Amino acid sequence: MKTKQILLVEDNPDDVKLTLRALKKSKILNEVVVAQDGVEAMDYFMGKGTFEGRDTSVLPQVVLLDLKMPRMDGLDVLHRIRGDERTRFLPVVILTTSSEDRDRIESYRLGANSYVRKPVDFNQFAEAVQQLGLYWLVINETP
């Protein structure tokens, strides 16, 4: 059986490295696919661009989605995920630095499963990622 995949949608290379490091530190060894912005995330789901030829019937166990990205922001990605029958129930965790109420409210309105602000401190960030991984990859049961 294949390991449960994580789709990390993040445009900041430093945040990608921190997230991967935090997952590794937490002993979460699942394959992590990184999409560098919203357009790449949609390419992943459609098997286009960088992800040409990918088996689109295989979906990640969870999507960790940043909000503030170039080309297509996280809210637009979330809207498209929820609008597609194949991905409608896919767990999406907003993982962002945004503390704006409107971003949090709009994320939940569009169907986010969780909204997590990235802590500045690495140890706090690693703890948050560990808890996310434990819940979404081990405890949670998807439809």
C-alpha atoms as a PDB file:
ATOM      1  CA  MET A   1       0.000   0.000   0.000  1.00  0.00           C
ATOM      2  CA  LYS A   2       1.297   3.468  -0.894  1.00  0.00           C
ATOM      3  CA  THR A   3       1.839   6.012   1.838  1.00  0.00           C
ATOM      4  CA  LYS A   4      -0.686   8.773   2.162  1.00  0.00           C
ATOM      5  CA  GLN A   5       0.495  11.793   0.197  1.00  0.00           C
ATOM      6  CA  ILE A   6       0.532  15.382   1.419  1.00  0.00           C
ATOM      7  CA  LEU A   7       0.123  18.225  -1.066  1.00  0.00           C
ATOM      8  CA  LEU A   8       1.928  21.325   0.182  1.00  0.00           C
ATOM      9  CA  VAL A   9       0.962  24.462  -1.736  1.00  0.00           C
ATOM     10  CA  GLU A  10       3.501  27.102  -0.756  1.00  0.00           C
ATOM     11  CA  ASP A  11       5.338  29.760  -2.769  1.00  0.00           C
ATOM     12  CA  ASN A  12       7.988  30.654  -0.183  1.00  0.00           C
ATOM     13  CA  PRO A  13      10.991  28.279  -0.495  1.00  0.00           C
ATOM     14  CA  ASP A  14      11.989  28.955   3.128  1.00  0.00           C
ATOM     15  CA  ASP A  15       8.519  27.974   4.361  1.00  0.00           C
ATOM     16  CA  VAL A  16       8.658  24.833   2.205  1.00  0.00           C
ATOM     17  CA  LYS A  17      11.977  23.884   3.823  1.00  0.00           C
ATOM     18  CA  LEU A  18      10.634  24.644   7.310  1.00  0.00           C
ATOM     19  CA  THR A  19       7.505  22.567   6.705  1.00  0.00           C
ATOM     20  CA  LEU A  20       9.480  19.620   5.324  1.00  0.00           C
ATOM     21  CA  ARG A  21      11.908  19.866   8.245  1.00  0.00           C
ATOM     22  CA  ALA A  22       9.034  20.021  10.741  1.00  0.00           C
ATOM     23  CA  LEU A  23       7.380  16.968   9.157  1.00  0.00           C
ATOM     24  CA  LYS A  24      10.656  15.050   9.290  1.00  0.00           C
ATOM     25  CA  LYS A  25      11.273  16.108  12.906  1.00  0.00           C
ATOM     26  CA  SER A  26       7.787  14.850  13.739  1.00  0.00           C
ATOM     27  CA  LYS A  27       8.579  11.516  12.055  1.00  0.00           C
ATOM     28  CA  ILE A  28       5.887  12.081   9.447  1.00  0.00           C
ATOM     29  CA  LEU A  29       7.447  10.232   6.539  1.00  0.00           C
ATOM     30  CA  ASN A  30       4.631  10.571   4.026  1.00  0.00           C
ATOM     31  CA  GLU A  31       5.498  11.661   0.516  1.00  0.00           C
ATOM     32  CA  VAL A  32       5.135  15.428   0.234  1.00  0.00           C
ATOM     33  CA  VAL A  33       4.352  16.885  -3.172  1.00  0.00           C
ATOM     34  CA  VAL A  34       5.106  20.597  -3.382  1.00  0.00           C
ATOM     35  CA  ALA A  35       3.186  22.964  -5.640  1.00  0.00           C
ATOM     36  CA  GLN A  36       4.847  26.374  -5.715  1.00  0.00           C
ATOM     37  CA  ASP A  37       1.641  28.348  -6.260  1.00  0.00           C
ATOM     38  CA  GLY A  38      -2.058  27.972  -6.937  1.00  0.00           C
ATOM     39  CA  VAL A  39      -1.651  27.377 -10.662  1.00  0.00           C
ATOM     40  CA  GLU A  40       0.754  24.507  -9.967  1.00  0.00           C
ATOM     41  CA  ALA A  41      -1.681  23.097  -7.400  1.00  0.00           C
ATOM     42  CA  MET A  42      -4.429  23.004 -10.008  1.00  0.00           C
ATOM     43  CA  ASP A  43      -1.987  21.437 -12.494  1.00  0.00           C
ATOM     44  CA  TYR A  44      -1.406  18.708  -9.901  1.00  0.00           C
ATOM     45  CA  PHE A  45      -5.132  17.927  -9.687  1.00  0.00           C
ATOM     46  CA  MET A  46      -5.559  18.005 -13.483  1.00  0.00           C
ATOM     47  CA  GLY A  47      -2.317  16.180 -14.343  1.00  0.00           C
ATOM     48  CA  LYS A  48      -0.974  19.087 -16.399  1.00  0.00           C
ATOM     49  CA  GLY A  49       2.259  21.090 -16.600  1.00  0.00           C
ATOM     50  CA  THR A  50       4.873  19.829 -14.149  1.00  0.00           C
ATOM     51  CA  PHE A  51       2.488  17.016 -13.196  1.00  0.00           C
ATOM     52  CA  GLU A  52       1.742  15.862 -16.775  1.00  0.00           C
ATOM     53  CA  GLY A  53       0.933  12.162 -16.808  1.00  0.00           C
ATOM     54  CA  ARG A  54       0.267  11.927 -13.066  1.00  0.00           C
ATOM     55  CA  ASP A  55      -2.476   9.481 -12.093  1.00  0.00           C
ATOM     56  CA  THR A  56      -5.182  12.002 -11.197  1.00  0.00           C
ATOM     57  CA  SER A  57      -7.276   9.332  -9.488  1.00  0.00           C
ATOM     58  CA  VAL A  58      -4.699   9.327  -6.664  1.00  0.00           C
ATOM     59  CA  LEU A  59      -5.476  12.217  -4.345  1.00  0.00           C
ATOM     60  CA  PRO A  60      -3.484  13.455  -1.362  1.00  0.00           C
ATOM     61  CA  GLN A  61      -4.671  12.638   2.132  1.00  0.00           C
ATOM     62  CA  VAL A  62      -4.490  16.325   3.019  1.00  0.00           C
ATOM     63  CA  VAL A  63      -3.684  19.647   1.345  1.00  0.00           C
ATOM     64  CA  LEU A  64      -1.653  22.204   3.289  1.00  0.00           C
ATOM     65  CA  LEU A  65      -2.531  25.451   1.531  1.00  0.00           C
ATOM     66  CA  ASP A  66      -0.942  28.874   1.844  1.00  0.00           C
ATOM     67  CA  LEU A  67      -3.174  31.855   1.068  1.00  0.00           C
ATOM     68  CA  LYS A  68      -0.911  34.627  -0.202  1.00  0.00           C
ATOM     69  CA  MET A  69       0.637  33.392  -3.467  1.00  0.00           C
ATOM     70  CA  PRO A  70       1.301  34.837  -6.920  1.00  0.00           C
ATOM     71  CA  ARG A  71      -0.667  33.838 -10.041  1.00  0.00           C
ATOM     72  CA  MET A  72      -3.522  32.218  -8.064  1.00  0.00           C
ATOM     73  CA  ASP A  73      -4.072  32.694  -4.353  1.00  0.00           C
ATOM     74  CA  GLY A  74      -5.083  30.027  -1.878  1.00  0.00           C
ATOM     75  CA  LEU A  75      -8.704  31.141  -1.634  1.00  0.00           C
ATOM     76  CA  ASP A  76      -9.135  30.642  -5.383  1.00  0.00           C
ATOM     77  CA  VAL A  77      -7.498  27.211  -5.130  1.00  0.00           C
ATOM     78  CA  LEU A  78      -9.835  26.285  -2.264  1.00  0.00           C
ATOM     79  CA  HIS A  79     -12.852  27.470  -4.257  1.00  0.00           C
ATOM     80  CA  ARG A  80     -11.801  25.298  -7.216  1.00  0.00           C
ATOM     81  CA  ILE A  81     -11.087  22.256  -5.026  1.00  0.00           C
ATOM     82  CA  ARG A  82     -14.546  22.495  -3.483  1.00  0.00           C
ATOM     83  CA  GLY A  83     -16.133  23.026  -6.917  1.00  0.00           C
ATOM     84  CA  ASP A  84     -14.730  19.771  -8.351  1.00  0.00           C
ATOM     85  CA  GLU A  85     -16.643  16.569  -7.597  1.00  0.00           C
ATOM     86  CA  ARG A  86     -13.392  14.564  -7.300  1.00  0.00           C
ATOM     87  CA  THR A  87     -11.852  16.861  -4.683  1.00  0.00           C
ATOM     88  CA  ARG A  88     -14.926  18.294  -2.966  1.00  0.00           C
ATOM     89  CA  PHE A  89     -14.354  16.395   0.302  1.00  0.00           C
ATOM     90  CA  LEU A  90     -10.547  16.508   0.293  1.00  0.00           C
ATOM     91  CA  PRO A  91      -9.239  17.802   3.645  1.00  0.00           C
ATOM     92  CA  VAL A  92      -7.743  21.267   3.169  1.00  0.00           C
ATOM     93  CA  VAL A  93      -5.801  22.937   5.948  1.00  0.00           C
ATOM     94  CA  ILE A  94      -5.003  26.598   5.479  1.00  0.00           C
ATOM     95  CA  LEU A  95      -1.437  27.072   6.708  1.00  0.00           C
ATOM     96  CA  THR A  96      -0.672  30.769   6.516  1.00  0.00           C
ATOM     97  CA  THR A  97       0.944  33.762   8.162  1.00  0.00           C
ATOM     98  CA  SER A  98      -2.229  35.795   7.640  1.00  0.00           C
ATOM     99  CA  SER A  99      -3.972  36.870  10.822  1.00  0.00           C
ATOM    100  CA  GLU A 100      -6.651  38.822   8.963  1.00  0.00           C
ATOM    101  CA  ASP A 101     -10.175  37.953  10.106  1.00  0.00           C
ATOM    102  CA  ARG A 102     -11.495  38.219   6.556  1.00  0.00           C
ATOM    103  CA  ASP A 103      -9.026  35.560   5.326  1.00  0.00           C
ATOM    104  CA  ARG A 104     -10.037  33.168   8.107  1.00  0.00           C
ATOM    105  CA  ILE A 105     -13.754  33.769   7.601  1.00  0.00           C
ATOM    106  CA  GLU A 106     -13.522  33.455   3.814  1.00  0.00           C
ATOM    107  CA  SER A 107     -11.458  30.265   4.143  1.00  0.00           C
ATOM    108  CA  TYR A 108     -14.139  28.636   6.251  1.00  0.00           C
ATOM    109  CA  ARG A 109     -16.906  29.997   4.030  1.00  0.00           C
ATOM    110  CA  LEU A 110     -15.243  28.316   1.055  1.00  0.00           C
ATOM    111  CA  GLY A 111     -14.964  25.002   2.910  1.00  0.00           C
ATOM    112  CA  ALA A 112     -11.554  24.892   4.593  1.00  0.00           C
ATOM    113  CA  ASN A 113     -11.344  22.128   7.182  1.00  0.00           C
ATOM    114  CA  SER A 114      -8.907  24.020   9.381  1.00  0.00           C
ATOM    115  CA  TYR A 115      -7.133  27.385   9.562  1.00  0.00           C
ATOM    116  CA  VAL A 116      -3.693  27.431  11.173  1.00  0.00           C
ATOM    117  CA  ARG A 117      -1.453  30.466  11.501  1.00  0.00           C
ATOM    118  CA  LYS A 118       2.216  29.639  11.056  1.00  0.00           C
ATOM    119  CA  PRO A 119       4.030  30.313  14.314  1.00  0.00           C
ATOM    120  CA  VAL A 120       7.218  32.362  13.985  1.00  0.00           C
ATOM    121  CA  ASP A 121       9.185  30.079  16.328  1.00  0.00           C
ATOM    122  CA  PHE A 122      10.385  26.858  14.632  1.00  0.00           C
ATOM    123  CA  ASN A 123       9.676  24.637  17.650  1.00  0.00           C
ATOM    124  CA  GLN A 124       6.097  25.925  17.844  1.00  0.00           C
ATOM    125  CA  PHE A 125       5.783  25.469  14.080  1.00  0.00           C
ATOM    126  CA  ALA A 126       7.125  21.902  14.311  1.00  0.00           C
ATOM    127  CA  GLU A 127       4.618  21.146  17.086  1.00  0.00           C
ATOM    128  CA  ALA A 128       1.747  22.537  14.999  1.00  0.00           C
ATOM    129  CA  VAL A 129       2.828  20.467  11.976  1.00  0.00           C
ATOM    130  CA  GLN A 130       3.145  17.340  14.142  1.00  0.00           C
ATOM    131  CA  GLN A 131      -0.388  17.802  15.451  1.00  0.00           C
ATOM    132  CA  LEU A 132      -1.709  18.451  11.934  1.00  0.00           C
ATOM    133  CA  GLY A 133       0.012  15.326  10.656  1.00  0.00           C
ATOM    134  CA  LEU A 134      -1.234  13.159  13.498  1.00  0.00           C
ATOM    135  CA  TYR A 135      -4.808  14.311  13.071  1.00  0.00           C
ATOM    136  CA  TRP A 136      -5.138  14.447   9.267  1.00  0.00           C
ATOM    137  CA  LEU A 137      -2.955  11.442   8.412  1.00  0.00           C
ATOM    138  CA  VAL A 138      -3.697   9.051  11.275  1.00  0.00           C
ATOM    139  CA  ILE A 139      -6.867   9.910  13.187  1.00  0.00           C
ATOM    140  CA  ASN A 140      -9.146  11.498  10.580  1.00  0.00           C
ATOM    141  CA  GLU A 141     -11.184   9.236   8.317  1.00  0.00           C
ATOM    142  CA  THR A 142     -12.011  10.662   4.905  1.00  0.00           C
ATOM    143  CA  PRO A 143     -15.203   9.947   2.942  1.00  0.00           C
END
